[in-house]
Structures are given as structure tokens and as C-alpha cells.
Amino acid sequence: QVQLVETGGGLVQPGGSLTLSCKSSGGLYGWAVWGWYRQAPGKQRELVAIIENGVGSDDRINVADTVLGRFTVSRDSTNTLYLEMHNLKPDDTAVYYCKRQYELSEYWGQGTQVIVSS
């Protein structure tokens, strides 16, 4: 069983920065895509940034146009996924979710709230 726990959300002023973390327990191998999604109030959940497992070669990273140049996704050997967010805007306010996708299943974290407001 795979469990994903997101941390790092909070209240930040416009122009500020936050780093989100997604710690995974279980399912270390065999994942295809691991990434961040967000859902703002009244809107559909949308992709923010994902890593496609290179499986022995370089990972492939995809970032939404709305955050390109401001957000960076990465992972490390501790089975943790990160989302570095800079120059945050009020439109970035949302619940941010981590998702890990395997061939036949996918797992979501519980989400972490990010509020960008002065």
C-alpha cells in the first residue's frame, strides 16, 4: 500500500516562496508518474508539475504553463517529492495534492493548503 503525505503549505504574501514536500511510504519501485496537482475553490483539479519516471535514464518533467519559471518539481533518494514555489500569486491559492501513478493504480495524498494573500 502506498501512502503519500504532503507538508509545507501555509499562508504567504504575494511574491513569496514556499516549498511543498510529499513523502511516500511503500511502492518505491514501478511508478510511472509522480507529481503535483492543485484545486482552487470552485475549480477543477489541475496539473501543476509532474515527473515521468525515466527508469534508468533521465526523468522527464512537465510543468504547467501557468507556473513555468516559478515552480520547480524534484525528487530525492528519500522517496520524497518536492515543489519549490517562487513569486507566488493570489491565483496560486489552492489545495495542493501529490499523486503517484502506477500502471494499474494511482494514489493521492490528503492535500496541503496554500493561501497567497496580503
N, C-alpha and C. Protein backbone atom coordinates (compact mmCIF):
# COMPACT_ATOMS: atom_id res chain seq x y z
N GLN A 1 0.84 -1.18 0.00
CA GLN A 1 0.00 0.00 0.00
C GLN A 1 0.88 1.24 0.00
N VAL A 2 0.54 2.20 -0.82
CA VAL A 2 1.29 3.44 -0.93
C VAL A 2 0.57 4.53 -0.16
N GLN A 3 1.31 5.24 0.65
CA GLN A 3 0.75 6.40 1.36
C GLN A 3 1.58 7.63 1.00
N LEU A 4 0.89 8.72 0.75
CA LEU A 4 1.54 9.98 0.40
C LEU A 4 1.12 11.04 1.41
N VAL A 5 2.09 11.73 1.98
CA VAL A 5 1.79 12.76 2.97
C VAL A 5 2.43 14.07 2.53
N GLU A 6 1.58 15.07 2.27
CA GLU A 6 2.08 16.38 1.86
C GLU A 6 2.24 17.28 3.08
N THR A 7 3.28 18.09 3.05
CA THR A 7 3.50 19.09 4.08
C THR A 7 4.06 20.35 3.42
N GLY A 8 4.03 21.44 4.17
CA GLY A 8 4.67 22.66 3.70
C GLY A 8 3.75 23.77 3.28
N GLY A 9 2.45 23.51 3.26
CA GLY A 9 1.52 24.57 2.88
C GLY A 9 1.42 25.64 3.94
N GLY A 10 0.74 26.73 3.58
CA GLY A 10 0.56 27.80 4.55
C GLY A 10 0.13 29.08 3.88
N LEU A 11 0.19 30.15 4.66
CA LEU A 11 -0.17 31.48 4.19
C LEU A 11 1.10 32.23 3.82
N VAL A 12 1.11 32.81 2.63
CA VAL A 12 2.28 33.54 2.17
C VAL A 12 1.82 34.79 1.41
N GLN A 13 2.62 35.82 1.46
CA GLN A 13 2.27 37.05 0.75
C GLN A 13 2.61 36.92 -0.72
N PRO A 14 1.93 37.68 -1.56
CA PRO A 14 2.28 37.67 -2.99
C PRO A 14 3.76 37.99 -3.18
N GLY A 15 4.38 37.24 -4.08
CA GLY A 15 5.81 37.39 -4.31
C GLY A 15 6.67 36.50 -3.44
N GLY A 16 6.05 35.85 -2.47
CA GLY A 16 6.79 34.99 -1.56
C GLY A 16 7.04 33.60 -2.12
N SER A 17 7.64 32.77 -1.28
CA SER A 17 8.02 31.42 -1.69
C SER A 17 7.58 30.39 -0.65
N LEU A 18 7.34 29.20 -1.12
CA LEU A 18 7.05 28.05 -0.27
C LEU A 18 7.62 26.81 -0.94
N THR A 19 7.97 25.82 -0.14
CA THR A 19 8.36 24.52 -0.68
C THR A 19 7.47 23.45 -0.07
N LEU A 20 6.80 22.72 -0.93
CA LEU A 20 5.96 21.60 -0.50
C LEU A 20 6.74 20.30 -0.59
N SER A 21 6.42 19.38 0.31
CA SER A 21 7.04 18.06 0.30
C SER A 21 5.96 17.00 0.26
N CYS A 22 6.26 15.91 -0.40
CA CYS A 22 5.36 14.76 -0.46
C CYS A 22 6.19 13.52 -0.14
N LYS A 23 5.99 13.01 1.05
CA LYS A 23 6.73 11.83 1.49
C LYS A 23 5.94 10.59 1.17
N SER A 24 6.58 9.66 0.48
CA SER A 24 5.90 8.42 0.12
C SER A 24 6.39 7.27 0.97
N SER A 25 5.47 6.46 1.43
CA SER A 25 5.82 5.21 2.11
C SER A 25 5.27 4.06 1.29
N GLY A 26 6.12 3.10 0.97
CA GLY A 26 5.69 1.99 0.16
C GLY A 26 5.78 2.30 -1.33
N GLY A 27 5.71 1.23 -2.12
CA GLY A 27 5.67 1.41 -3.57
C GLY A 27 6.83 2.15 -4.16
N LEU A 28 8.03 1.85 -3.66
CA LEU A 28 9.22 2.59 -4.10
C LEU A 28 9.48 2.42 -5.58
N TYR A 29 9.22 1.25 -6.09
CA TYR A 29 9.53 0.97 -7.49
C TYR A 29 8.27 0.78 -8.31
N GLY A 30 8.42 0.98 -9.60
CA GLY A 30 7.33 0.69 -10.52
C GLY A 30 6.39 1.84 -10.81
N TRP A 31 6.65 3.00 -10.21
CA TRP A 31 5.75 4.12 -10.51
C TRP A 31 6.09 4.72 -11.86
N ALA A 32 5.09 5.27 -12.52
CA ALA A 32 5.28 5.85 -13.85
C ALA A 32 5.32 7.37 -13.80
N VAL A 33 4.44 7.95 -12.99
CA VAL A 33 4.34 9.41 -12.90
C VAL A 33 4.14 9.79 -11.44
N TRP A 34 4.81 10.83 -11.02
CA TRP A 34 4.69 11.33 -9.65
C TRP A 34 4.64 12.85 -9.76
N GLY A 35 3.62 13.43 -9.19
CA GLY A 35 3.54 14.86 -9.40
C GLY A 35 2.60 15.60 -8.49
N TRP A 36 2.47 16.87 -8.80
CA TRP A 36 1.66 17.81 -8.03
C TRP A 36 0.48 18.30 -8.85
N TYR A 37 -0.64 18.37 -8.19
CA TYR A 37 -1.87 18.89 -8.77
C TYR A 37 -2.45 19.87 -7.76
N ARG A 38 -3.34 20.72 -8.21
CA ARG A 38 -3.97 21.66 -7.29
C ARG A 38 -5.42 21.87 -7.65
N GLN A 39 -6.18 22.27 -6.64
CA GLN A 39 -7.59 22.56 -6.85
C GLN A 39 -7.95 23.82 -6.09
N ALA A 40 -8.32 24.83 -6.84
CA ALA A 40 -8.75 26.09 -6.25
C ALA A 40 -10.25 26.02 -5.99
N PRO A 41 -10.76 26.84 -5.08
CA PRO A 41 -12.20 26.82 -4.78
C PRO A 41 -13.03 27.04 -6.03
N GLY A 42 -13.98 26.16 -6.26
CA GLY A 42 -14.88 26.30 -7.40
C GLY A 42 -14.29 25.89 -8.73
N LYS A 43 -13.08 25.36 -8.73
CA LYS A 43 -12.44 24.98 -9.97
C LYS A 43 -12.09 23.50 -9.97
N GLN A 44 -11.81 22.98 -11.16
CA GLN A 44 -11.40 21.58 -11.27
C GLN A 44 -9.94 21.42 -10.86
N ARG A 45 -9.61 20.22 -10.45
CA ARG A 45 -8.23 19.92 -10.13
C ARG A 45 -7.39 19.97 -11.41
N GLU A 46 -6.20 20.57 -11.29
CA GLU A 46 -5.37 20.72 -12.46
C GLU A 46 -3.93 20.29 -12.19
N LEU A 47 -3.25 19.91 -13.24
CA LEU A 47 -1.86 19.53 -13.14
C LEU A 47 -1.00 20.75 -12.88
N VAL A 48 -0.02 20.60 -11.99
CA VAL A 48 0.93 21.68 -11.73
C VAL A 48 2.29 21.31 -12.30
N ALA A 49 2.82 20.19 -11.84
CA ALA A 49 4.14 19.75 -12.31
C ALA A 49 4.28 18.27 -12.01
N ILE A 50 4.80 17.51 -12.97
CA ILE A 50 4.95 16.08 -12.77
C ILE A 50 6.31 15.60 -13.24
N ILE A 51 6.71 14.46 -12.68
CA ILE A 51 7.92 13.78 -13.11
C ILE A 51 7.52 12.43 -13.69
N GLU A 52 7.96 12.18 -14.90
CA GLU A 52 7.75 10.88 -15.53
C GLU A 52 9.02 10.05 -15.31
N ASN A 53 8.86 8.90 -14.70
CA ASN A 53 9.99 8.08 -14.31
C ASN A 53 10.82 7.66 -15.50
N GLY A 54 12.10 8.03 -15.48
CA GLY A 54 12.97 7.68 -16.59
C GLY A 54 13.39 6.22 -16.57
N VAL A 55 13.23 5.55 -15.42
CA VAL A 55 13.56 4.12 -15.27
C VAL A 55 14.93 3.81 -15.84
N GLY A 56 15.96 4.33 -15.21
CA GLY A 56 17.31 4.05 -15.64
C GLY A 56 17.89 5.13 -16.52
N SER A 57 17.08 6.00 -17.02
CA SER A 57 17.57 7.15 -17.77
C SER A 57 17.02 8.41 -17.10
N ASP A 58 17.20 9.53 -17.74
CA ASP A 58 16.74 10.77 -17.12
C ASP A 58 15.23 10.84 -17.00
N ASP A 59 14.76 11.35 -15.85
CA ASP A 59 13.33 11.62 -15.71
C ASP A 59 12.91 12.70 -16.69
N ARG A 60 11.63 12.68 -17.03
CA ARG A 60 11.07 13.76 -17.86
C ARG A 60 10.14 14.58 -17.00
N ILE A 61 10.27 15.88 -17.08
CA ILE A 61 9.49 16.78 -16.24
C ILE A 61 8.55 17.60 -17.10
N ASN A 62 7.31 17.72 -16.64
CA ASN A 62 6.33 18.56 -17.31
C ASN A 62 5.78 19.56 -16.31
N VAL A 63 5.73 20.79 -16.69
CA VAL A 63 5.26 21.87 -15.82
C VAL A 63 4.19 22.66 -16.54
N ALA A 64 3.11 22.97 -15.82
CA ALA A 64 2.03 23.76 -16.42
C ALA A 64 2.52 25.14 -16.82
N ASP A 65 1.98 25.66 -17.90
CA ASP A 65 2.40 26.97 -18.39
C ASP A 65 2.17 28.07 -17.35
N THR A 66 1.13 27.90 -16.54
CA THR A 66 0.78 28.94 -15.57
C THR A 66 1.83 29.09 -14.46
N VAL A 67 2.66 28.08 -14.27
CA VAL A 67 3.67 28.14 -13.21
C VAL A 67 5.08 28.01 -13.73
N LEU A 68 5.23 27.85 -15.04
CA LEU A 68 6.55 27.66 -15.64
C LEU A 68 7.45 28.85 -15.33
N GLY A 69 8.65 28.52 -14.86
CA GLY A 69 9.60 29.57 -14.49
C GLY A 69 9.47 30.01 -13.05
N ARG A 70 8.41 29.61 -12.39
CA ARG A 70 8.21 29.98 -10.98
C ARG A 70 8.25 28.75 -10.06
N PHE A 71 7.76 27.62 -10.56
CA PHE A 71 7.70 26.40 -9.75
C PHE A 71 8.69 25.37 -10.31
N THR A 72 9.28 24.60 -9.40
CA THR A 72 10.21 23.54 -9.78
C THR A 72 9.86 22.27 -9.02
N VAL A 73 9.76 21.16 -9.75
CA VAL A 73 9.47 19.87 -9.13
C VAL A 73 10.75 19.04 -9.13
N SER A 74 10.95 18.29 -8.04
CA SER A 74 12.12 17.44 -7.94
C SER A 74 11.84 16.30 -6.98
N ARG A 75 12.70 15.31 -6.99
CA ARG A 75 12.57 14.20 -6.05
C ARG A 75 13.96 13.82 -5.56
N ASP A 76 14.00 13.12 -4.42
CA ASP A 76 15.30 12.70 -3.92
C ASP A 76 15.27 11.24 -3.49
N SER A 77 16.38 10.78 -3.00
CA SER A 77 16.54 9.36 -2.68
C SER A 77 15.81 8.94 -1.42
N THR A 78 15.20 9.89 -0.72
CA THR A 78 14.44 9.54 0.49
C THR A 78 12.97 9.26 0.15
N ASN A 79 12.69 9.10 -1.14
CA ASN A 79 11.32 8.83 -1.58
C ASN A 79 10.40 10.02 -1.29
N THR A 80 10.94 11.20 -1.50
CA THR A 80 10.21 12.44 -1.26
C THR A 80 10.18 13.27 -2.53
N LEU A 81 9.02 13.83 -2.81
CA LEU A 81 8.82 14.72 -3.95
C LEU A 81 8.69 16.14 -3.42
N TYR A 82 9.25 17.09 -4.13
CA TYR A 82 9.20 18.48 -3.70
C TYR A 82 8.58 19.36 -4.77
N LEU A 83 8.01 20.46 -4.32
CA LEU A 83 7.56 21.51 -5.23
C LEU A 83 8.04 22.83 -4.65
N GLU A 84 9.04 23.41 -5.29
CA GLU A 84 9.52 24.73 -4.90
C GLU A 84 8.72 25.77 -5.65
N MET A 85 8.13 26.67 -4.90
CA MET A 85 7.26 27.68 -5.49
C MET A 85 7.81 29.06 -5.17
N HIS A 86 8.03 29.85 -6.20
CA HIS A 86 8.56 31.21 -6.04
C HIS A 86 7.65 32.20 -6.73
N ASN A 87 7.78 33.47 -6.31
CA ASN A 87 6.97 34.53 -6.90
C ASN A 87 5.49 34.14 -6.91
N LEU A 88 5.01 33.71 -5.78
CA LEU A 88 3.64 33.24 -5.68
C LEU A 88 2.64 34.36 -5.92
N LYS A 89 1.52 33.99 -6.53
CA LYS A 89 0.47 34.94 -6.88
C LYS A 89 -0.83 34.51 -6.20
N PRO A 90 -1.75 35.44 -6.02
CA PRO A 90 -3.04 35.05 -5.43
C PRO A 90 -3.73 33.91 -6.19
N ASP A 91 -3.54 33.85 -7.50
CA ASP A 91 -4.14 32.78 -8.30
C ASP A 91 -3.54 31.41 -7.99
N ASP A 92 -2.44 31.36 -7.27
CA ASP A 92 -1.85 30.09 -6.88
C ASP A 92 -2.53 29.51 -5.64
N THR A 93 -3.43 30.26 -5.04
CA THR A 93 -4.16 29.77 -3.88
C THR A 93 -4.97 28.54 -4.25
N ALA A 94 -4.74 27.45 -3.52
CA ALA A 94 -5.40 26.18 -3.82
C ALA A 94 -4.98 25.15 -2.78
N VAL A 95 -5.65 24.02 -2.83
CA VAL A 95 -5.16 22.84 -2.12
C VAL A 95 -4.26 22.09 -3.09
N TYR A 96 -3.06 21.80 -2.66
CA TYR A 96 -2.08 21.12 -3.50
C TYR A 96 -2.01 19.65 -3.10
N TYR A 97 -2.14 18.80 -4.11
CA TYR A 97 -2.16 17.36 -3.91
C TYR A 97 -0.97 16.70 -4.61
N CYS A 98 -0.50 15.66 -3.99
CA CYS A 98 0.55 14.82 -4.57
C CYS A 98 -0.12 13.54 -5.08
N LYS A 99 0.29 13.11 -6.26
CA LYS A 99 -0.25 11.87 -6.82
C LYS A 99 0.88 11.02 -7.36
N ARG A 100 0.77 9.72 -7.11
CA ARG A 100 1.73 8.77 -7.66
C ARG A 100 0.96 7.76 -8.49
N GLN A 101 1.38 7.58 -9.73
CA GLN A 101 0.65 6.75 -10.67
C GLN A 101 1.48 5.55 -11.07
N TYR A 102 0.85 4.39 -10.96
CA TYR A 102 1.47 3.15 -11.40
C TYR A 102 0.70 2.65 -12.63
N GLU A 103 1.11 1.53 -13.16
CA GLU A 103 0.47 1.04 -14.38
C GLU A 103 -1.02 0.79 -14.17
N LEU A 104 -1.38 0.23 -13.02
CA LEU A 104 -2.77 -0.18 -12.81
C LEU A 104 -3.43 0.54 -11.64
N SER A 105 -2.76 1.49 -11.04
CA SER A 105 -3.35 2.15 -9.88
C SER A 105 -2.74 3.54 -9.71
N GLU A 106 -3.38 4.34 -8.89
CA GLU A 106 -2.84 5.64 -8.55
C GLU A 106 -3.21 5.96 -7.10
N TYR A 107 -2.40 6.78 -6.49
CA TYR A 107 -2.59 7.14 -5.09
C TYR A 107 -2.46 8.65 -4.93
N TRP A 108 -3.35 9.19 -4.07
CA TRP A 108 -3.36 10.63 -3.79
C TRP A 108 -3.04 10.87 -2.32
N GLY A 109 -2.39 11.98 -2.07
CA GLY A 109 -2.24 12.43 -0.70
C GLY A 109 -3.49 13.18 -0.26
N GLN A 110 -3.47 13.64 0.99
CA GLN A 110 -4.64 14.31 1.54
C GLN A 110 -4.70 15.79 1.17
N GLY A 111 -3.61 16.32 0.67
CA GLY A 111 -3.57 17.71 0.24
C GLY A 111 -3.02 18.64 1.30
N THR A 112 -2.46 19.74 0.85
CA THR A 112 -1.98 20.79 1.75
C THR A 112 -2.40 22.14 1.18
N GLN A 113 -2.92 22.99 2.05
CA GLN A 113 -3.50 24.26 1.63
C GLN A 113 -2.41 25.32 1.45
N VAL A 114 -2.47 26.01 0.33
CA VAL A 114 -1.60 27.16 0.08
C VAL A 114 -2.50 28.37 -0.15
N ILE A 115 -2.26 29.41 0.64
CA ILE A 115 -3.03 30.65 0.51
C ILE A 115 -2.05 31.78 0.24
N VAL A 116 -2.26 32.46 -0.86
CA VAL A 116 -1.40 33.59 -1.22
C VAL A 116 -2.24 34.86 -1.09
N SER A 117 -1.90 35.64 -0.08
CA SER A 117 -2.71 36.82 0.23
C SER A 117 -1.90 37.81 1.04
N SER A 118 -2.22 39.08 0.82
CA SER A 118 -1.57 40.12 1.61
C SER A 118 -2.44 40.49 2.81
